[in-house]
Amino acid sequence: MKIDKRNELKVTMILMVIVMTFVVTFVNVSINYGYDSSFFYRWMKSWGLAFIVALPVVMLIMPRLKKLVARFVEP
């Protein structure tokens, strides 16, 4: 399956949000609660909430940041 070029940034952002929230919530739940019998449930609950919050934020911020950074990049 090929991704259309116009959707490349959106797909990249979604995958980045999945990976980053997965890792950050794993570390956070590990540090705060340890590895008890409810670890997986707490982690998935934390990850779901983080994903729901992070995805819209990234979708709104990333295109603007990309334009901002482009100003400082030499052609």
Protein backbone atom coordinates (compact mmCIF):
# COMPACT_ATOMS: atom_id res chain seq x y z
CA MET A 1 0.00 0.00 0.00
CA LYS A 2 1.37 3.37 -1.00
CA ILE A 3 0.53 6.63 0.76
CA ASP A 4 -0.36 9.60 -1.40
CA LYS A 5 2.28 12.35 -1.21
CA ARG A 6 -0.25 14.91 0.07
CA ASN A 7 -0.97 12.68 3.10
CA GLU A 8 2.65 11.96 3.92
CA LEU A 9 2.92 14.60 6.66
CA LYS A 10 -0.36 13.52 8.30
CA VAL A 11 0.63 9.86 8.38
CA THR A 12 4.07 10.76 9.71
CA MET A 13 2.54 12.89 12.47
CA ILE A 14 0.10 10.13 13.48
CA LEU A 15 2.88 7.54 13.67
CA MET A 16 5.11 9.90 15.64
CA VAL A 17 2.33 10.60 18.12
CA ILE A 18 1.68 6.88 18.56
CA VAL A 19 5.35 6.08 19.20
CA MET A 20 6.09 9.08 21.42
CA THR A 21 2.99 8.75 23.61
CA PHE A 22 3.54 4.99 23.89
CA VAL A 23 7.12 5.43 25.15
CA VAL A 24 6.44 8.42 27.40
CA THR A 25 3.42 6.86 29.08
CA PHE A 26 5.29 3.57 29.56
CA VAL A 27 8.12 5.38 31.35
CA ASN A 28 5.74 7.55 33.35
CA VAL A 29 3.54 4.67 34.54
CA SER A 30 6.64 2.56 35.30
CA ILE A 31 8.15 5.28 37.48
CA ASN A 32 4.94 6.30 39.22
CA TYR A 33 3.31 2.90 39.82
CA GLY A 34 5.89 0.20 39.16
CA TYR A 35 5.10 -3.15 37.60
CA ASP A 36 2.12 -4.48 39.51
CA SER A 37 -0.86 -6.47 38.29
CA SER A 38 -2.62 -3.34 37.02
CA PHE A 39 0.40 -2.01 35.12
CA PHE A 40 -0.87 -2.84 31.65
CA TYR A 41 -4.33 -1.40 32.32
CA ARG A 42 -2.87 1.83 33.76
CA TRP A 43 -0.43 2.12 30.88
CA MET A 44 -3.10 1.66 28.19
CA LYS A 45 -5.44 4.08 29.96
CA SER A 46 -2.65 6.64 30.19
CA TRP A 47 -1.59 6.04 26.59
CA GLY A 48 -5.14 6.41 25.27
CA LEU A 49 -5.62 9.74 27.00
CA ALA A 50 -2.17 10.97 25.92
CA PHE A 51 -2.88 9.99 22.31
CA ILE A 52 -6.26 11.74 22.30
CA VAL A 53 -4.65 14.93 23.61
CA ALA A 54 -1.40 14.81 21.62
CA LEU A 55 -2.77 14.06 18.16
CA PRO A 56 -4.83 17.25 17.72
CA VAL A 57 -2.04 19.31 19.27
CA VAL A 58 0.51 17.90 16.82
CA MET A 59 -1.86 18.28 13.87
CA LEU A 60 -2.30 21.96 14.72
CA ILE A 61 1.28 22.79 15.69
CA MET A 62 3.44 20.76 13.28
CA PRO A 63 2.52 22.55 10.03
CA ARG A 64 3.18 25.92 11.67
CA LEU A 65 6.49 24.74 13.11
CA LYS A 66 7.50 23.37 9.72
CA LYS A 67 6.90 26.79 8.15
CA LEU A 68 8.78 28.53 10.96
CA VAL A 69 11.79 26.24 10.64
CA ALA A 70 11.75 26.66 6.84
CA ARG A 71 12.43 30.36 7.33
CA PHE A 72 15.78 29.53 8.91
CA VAL A 73 16.86 26.81 6.49
CA GLU A 74 19.04 27.87 3.61
CA PRO A 75 17.85 26.72 0.20
